Each structure stands twice: as C-alpha cells, then as structure tokens.
Amino acid sequence: MTKLTLLALDTSTEACSVALLYNGEKTHLNELAQRTHTKRILPMIDKILANSGLHLNQVNALAFGRGPGSFTGRSEERRVGK
C-alpha cells in the first residue's frame, strides 16, 4: 500500500505556509510574507520537498485553504496548485 504524500499550501493570510506529510511525518515552513506570497510560495515548496528528498511528482495529493482570507491569497493557492 502506498503511503500518502500530501503537500498543503496556505496563502490566505499575511503568513505564507507550506506543509508536507511524508512517511507519516509532518514538516512545515511558515513565513510572514505581506504582499510577497507570489515570490515566496514556490521557493518554499522547493525547499520543503528538497529537505525531505522528494520531487514534486512524488506528491500524491495537494491541499490548500479556501478561506477566509484575501481573495488574492486564495487565488494564488489555486494557481500554484494547478
């Protein structure tokens, strides 16, 4: 049975957050990123995956917040998720 590898994103508030569930262990990165989510989210995803020795194609599922929060922040999550 394949274990779930889940990547979660949240850009709906002033914080920019990325979390990873891999082999039953949770890790996360969180930064205050007022108006810089667009610049921060992709490098944060790269960093959390690299720290776990993973590539994006090894992620089984993606989760992101649906609010409440700013419209722009929620739109950024969906854009990155695609």
N, C-alpha and C. Protein backbone atom coordinates (compact mmCIF):
# COMPACT_ATOMS: atom_id res chain seq x y z
N MET A 1 0.84 -1.18 0.00
CA MET A 1 0.00 0.00 0.00
C MET A 1 0.88 1.25 0.00
N THR A 2 0.59 2.19 -0.88
CA THR A 2 1.33 3.43 -0.97
C THR A 2 0.89 4.38 0.13
N LYS A 3 1.87 4.94 0.85
CA LYS A 3 1.55 5.92 1.87
C LYS A 3 1.28 7.26 1.20
N LEU A 4 0.39 8.00 1.79
CA LEU A 4 0.01 9.30 1.27
C LEU A 4 1.15 10.30 1.47
N THR A 5 1.48 11.02 0.42
CA THR A 5 2.39 12.16 0.50
C THR A 5 1.56 13.38 0.12
N LEU A 6 1.34 14.24 1.09
CA LEU A 6 0.42 15.37 0.95
C LEU A 6 1.18 16.67 1.10
N LEU A 7 0.99 17.58 0.15
CA LEU A 7 1.56 18.92 0.20
C LEU A 7 0.41 19.89 0.42
N ALA A 8 0.52 20.73 1.45
CA ALA A 8 -0.54 21.69 1.77
C ALA A 8 0.01 23.11 1.68
N LEU A 9 -0.79 24.00 1.11
CA LEU A 9 -0.40 25.41 0.91
C LEU A 9 -1.42 26.33 1.57
N ASP A 10 -0.95 27.44 2.12
CA ASP A 10 -1.87 28.45 2.63
C ASP A 10 -1.27 29.82 2.40
N THR A 11 -1.95 30.61 1.58
CA THR A 11 -1.52 31.99 1.31
C THR A 11 -2.67 32.97 1.56
N SER A 12 -3.64 32.55 2.37
CA SER A 12 -4.85 33.37 2.54
C SER A 12 -4.71 34.46 3.59
N THR A 13 -3.61 34.46 4.35
CA THR A 13 -3.41 35.48 5.37
C THR A 13 -2.05 36.15 5.13
N GLU A 14 -1.58 36.92 6.11
CA GLU A 14 -0.27 37.55 5.98
C GLU A 14 0.86 36.53 5.99
N ALA A 15 0.59 35.35 6.52
CA ALA A 15 1.59 34.29 6.54
C ALA A 15 1.52 33.48 5.26
N CYS A 16 2.66 32.98 4.85
CA CYS A 16 2.75 32.10 3.70
C CYS A 16 3.23 30.76 4.27
N SER A 17 2.45 29.70 4.09
CA SER A 17 2.74 28.43 4.74
C SER A 17 2.72 27.27 3.76
N VAL A 18 3.64 26.33 3.98
CA VAL A 18 3.72 25.10 3.22
C VAL A 18 3.91 23.98 4.23
N ALA A 19 3.16 22.91 4.08
CA ALA A 19 3.31 21.75 4.96
C ALA A 19 3.39 20.49 4.12
N LEU A 20 4.07 19.49 4.66
CA LEU A 20 4.26 18.23 3.96
C LEU A 20 4.03 17.08 4.92
N LEU A 21 3.21 16.13 4.49
CA LEU A 21 3.04 14.87 5.20
C LEU A 21 3.71 13.81 4.35
N TYR A 22 4.76 13.18 4.88
CA TYR A 22 5.53 12.18 4.13
C TYR A 22 6.00 11.10 5.09
N ASN A 23 5.70 9.86 4.75
CA ASN A 23 6.05 8.72 5.61
C ASN A 23 5.52 8.91 7.04
N GLY A 24 4.35 9.49 7.15
CA GLY A 24 3.72 9.68 8.46
C GLY A 24 4.30 10.82 9.28
N GLU A 25 5.27 11.55 8.74
CA GLU A 25 5.87 12.67 9.45
C GLU A 25 5.43 13.98 8.83
N LYS A 26 5.18 14.96 9.70
CA LYS A 26 4.74 16.28 9.24
C LYS A 26 5.89 17.28 9.39
N THR A 27 6.08 18.08 8.34
CA THR A 27 7.03 19.20 8.40
C THR A 27 6.32 20.42 7.83
N HIS A 28 6.78 21.59 8.22
CA HIS A 28 6.15 22.80 7.69
C HIS A 28 7.13 23.96 7.65
N LEU A 29 6.83 24.90 6.80
CA LEU A 29 7.54 26.18 6.71
C LEU A 29 6.49 27.27 6.78
N ASN A 30 6.80 28.32 7.50
CA ASN A 30 5.85 29.41 7.67
C ASN A 30 6.63 30.72 7.72
N GLU A 31 6.23 31.68 6.91
CA GLU A 31 6.89 32.98 6.88
C GLU A 31 5.85 34.09 6.81
N LEU A 32 6.11 35.18 7.50
CA LEU A 32 5.30 36.36 7.29
C LEU A 32 5.69 36.93 5.95
N ALA A 33 4.71 37.12 5.10
CA ALA A 33 5.02 37.50 3.71
C ALA A 33 3.99 38.48 3.19
N GLN A 34 3.82 39.59 3.88
CA GLN A 34 2.84 40.57 3.43
C GLN A 34 3.11 40.98 2.00
N ARG A 35 2.15 40.69 1.16
CA ARG A 35 2.17 41.06 -0.27
C ARG A 35 3.33 40.44 -1.06
N THR A 36 3.98 39.41 -0.53
CA THR A 36 5.07 38.75 -1.26
C THR A 36 4.83 37.25 -1.40
N HIS A 37 3.60 36.81 -1.20
CA HIS A 37 3.28 35.38 -1.30
C HIS A 37 3.71 34.81 -2.66
N THR A 38 3.45 35.57 -3.70
CA THR A 38 3.76 35.10 -5.05
C THR A 38 5.25 34.80 -5.20
N LYS A 39 6.08 35.60 -4.58
CA LYS A 39 7.53 35.39 -4.66
C LYS A 39 8.00 34.28 -3.73
N ARG A 40 7.32 34.04 -2.64
CA ARG A 40 7.78 33.12 -1.61
C ARG A 40 7.28 31.69 -1.76
N ILE A 41 6.07 31.48 -2.27
CA ILE A 41 5.45 30.15 -2.20
C ILE A 41 6.22 29.08 -2.98
N LEU A 42 6.64 29.37 -4.21
CA LEU A 42 7.33 28.34 -5.00
C LEU A 42 8.69 27.97 -4.40
N PRO A 43 9.52 28.94 -3.96
CA PRO A 43 10.76 28.55 -3.30
C PRO A 43 10.52 27.75 -2.01
N MET A 44 9.45 28.06 -1.29
CA MET A 44 9.13 27.32 -0.07
C MET A 44 8.75 25.87 -0.41
N ILE A 45 8.00 25.69 -1.48
CA ILE A 45 7.64 24.33 -1.92
C ILE A 45 8.91 23.57 -2.30
N ASP A 46 9.79 24.20 -3.07
CA ASP A 46 11.05 23.56 -3.46
C ASP A 46 11.86 23.16 -2.23
N LYS A 47 11.92 24.05 -1.25
CA LYS A 47 12.73 23.80 -0.06
C LYS A 47 12.17 22.65 0.77
N ILE A 48 10.87 22.62 1.01
CA ILE A 48 10.31 21.57 1.84
C ILE A 48 10.43 20.20 1.16
N LEU A 49 10.28 20.18 -0.16
CA LEU A 49 10.44 18.91 -0.88
C LEU A 49 11.90 18.47 -0.86
N ALA A 50 12.83 19.39 -1.11
CA ALA A 50 14.26 19.06 -1.10
C ALA A 50 14.71 18.57 0.27
N ASN A 51 14.23 19.21 1.32
CA ASN A 51 14.59 18.79 2.68
C ASN A 51 14.13 17.37 2.99
N SER A 52 13.09 16.92 2.30
CA SER A 52 12.56 15.57 2.51
C SER A 52 13.07 14.59 1.46
N GLY A 53 13.89 15.08 0.52
CA GLY A 53 14.42 14.22 -0.54
C GLY A 53 13.39 13.82 -1.57
N LEU A 54 12.39 14.67 -1.77
CA LEU A 54 11.30 14.37 -2.70
C LEU A 54 11.34 15.28 -3.92
N HIS A 55 10.66 14.83 -4.96
CA HIS A 55 10.40 15.64 -6.15
C HIS A 55 8.89 15.85 -6.20
N LEU A 56 8.47 16.89 -6.87
CA LEU A 56 7.04 17.22 -6.93
C LEU A 56 6.20 16.06 -7.47
N ASN A 57 6.74 15.29 -8.41
CA ASN A 57 5.95 14.19 -8.98
C ASN A 57 5.75 13.03 -8.00
N GLN A 58 6.35 13.10 -6.82
CA GLN A 58 6.15 12.09 -5.79
C GLN A 58 5.04 12.46 -4.81
N VAL A 59 4.48 13.64 -4.98
CA VAL A 59 3.37 14.09 -4.12
C VAL A 59 2.08 13.48 -4.65
N ASN A 60 1.33 12.82 -3.75
CA ASN A 60 0.08 12.17 -4.14
C ASN A 60 -1.13 13.10 -4.12
N ALA A 61 -1.08 14.10 -3.24
CA ALA A 61 -2.24 14.97 -3.08
C ALA A 61 -1.79 16.38 -2.70
N LEU A 62 -2.61 17.33 -3.07
CA LEU A 62 -2.36 18.74 -2.77
C LEU A 62 -3.58 19.29 -2.05
N ALA A 63 -3.33 20.03 -0.98
CA ALA A 63 -4.42 20.67 -0.24
C ALA A 63 -4.12 22.15 -0.13
N PHE A 64 -5.17 22.95 -0.17
CA PHE A 64 -4.99 24.38 0.05
C PHE A 64 -6.21 24.94 0.72
N GLY A 65 -6.00 26.02 1.46
CA GLY A 65 -7.09 26.65 2.20
C GLY A 65 -8.10 27.29 1.28
N ARG A 66 -9.32 27.36 1.75
CA ARG A 66 -10.34 28.04 0.95
C ARG A 66 -10.85 29.28 1.67
N GLY A 67 -10.17 29.67 2.71
CA GLY A 67 -10.51 30.90 3.40
C GLY A 67 -11.04 30.64 4.79
N PRO A 68 -11.43 31.66 5.49
CA PRO A 68 -11.48 33.02 4.99
C PRO A 68 -10.07 33.56 4.78
N GLY A 69 -10.02 34.61 4.06
CA GLY A 69 -8.75 35.25 3.77
C GLY A 69 -8.92 36.13 2.55
N SER A 70 -7.82 36.67 2.11
CA SER A 70 -7.90 37.57 0.97
C SER A 70 -8.21 36.80 -0.30
N PHE A 71 -8.92 37.44 -1.20
CA PHE A 71 -9.23 36.82 -2.49
C PHE A 71 -7.94 36.52 -3.26
N THR A 72 -7.01 37.48 -3.23
CA THR A 72 -5.75 37.30 -3.95
C THR A 72 -4.97 36.13 -3.38
N GLY A 73 -4.93 36.00 -2.07
CA GLY A 73 -4.21 34.90 -1.44
C GLY A 73 -4.80 33.55 -1.81
N ARG A 74 -6.10 33.44 -1.78
CA ARG A 74 -6.75 32.17 -2.16
C ARG A 74 -6.55 31.88 -3.63
N SER A 75 -6.56 32.91 -4.47
CA SER A 75 -6.32 32.72 -5.91
C SER A 75 -4.90 32.21 -6.15
N GLU A 76 -3.96 32.72 -5.38
CA GLU A 76 -2.56 32.29 -5.51
C GLU A 76 -2.42 30.80 -5.21
N GLU A 77 -3.10 30.32 -4.16
CA GLU A 77 -3.06 28.89 -3.83
C GLU A 77 -3.55 28.04 -5.00
N ARG A 78 -4.66 28.45 -5.57
CA ARG A 78 -5.23 27.67 -6.69
C ARG A 78 -4.32 27.71 -7.91
N ARG A 79 -3.72 28.86 -8.18
CA ARG A 79 -2.81 28.99 -9.32
C ARG A 79 -1.60 28.08 -9.15
N VAL A 80 -1.01 28.10 -7.98
CA VAL A 80 0.16 27.26 -7.72
C VAL A 80 -0.24 25.79 -7.77
N GLY A 81 -1.41 25.47 -7.26
CA GLY A 81 -1.87 24.10 -7.26
C GLY A 81 -2.03 23.51 -8.65
N LYS A 82 -2.38 24.35 -9.59
CA LYS A 82 -2.54 23.87 -10.97
C LYS A 82 -1.20 23.57 -11.58
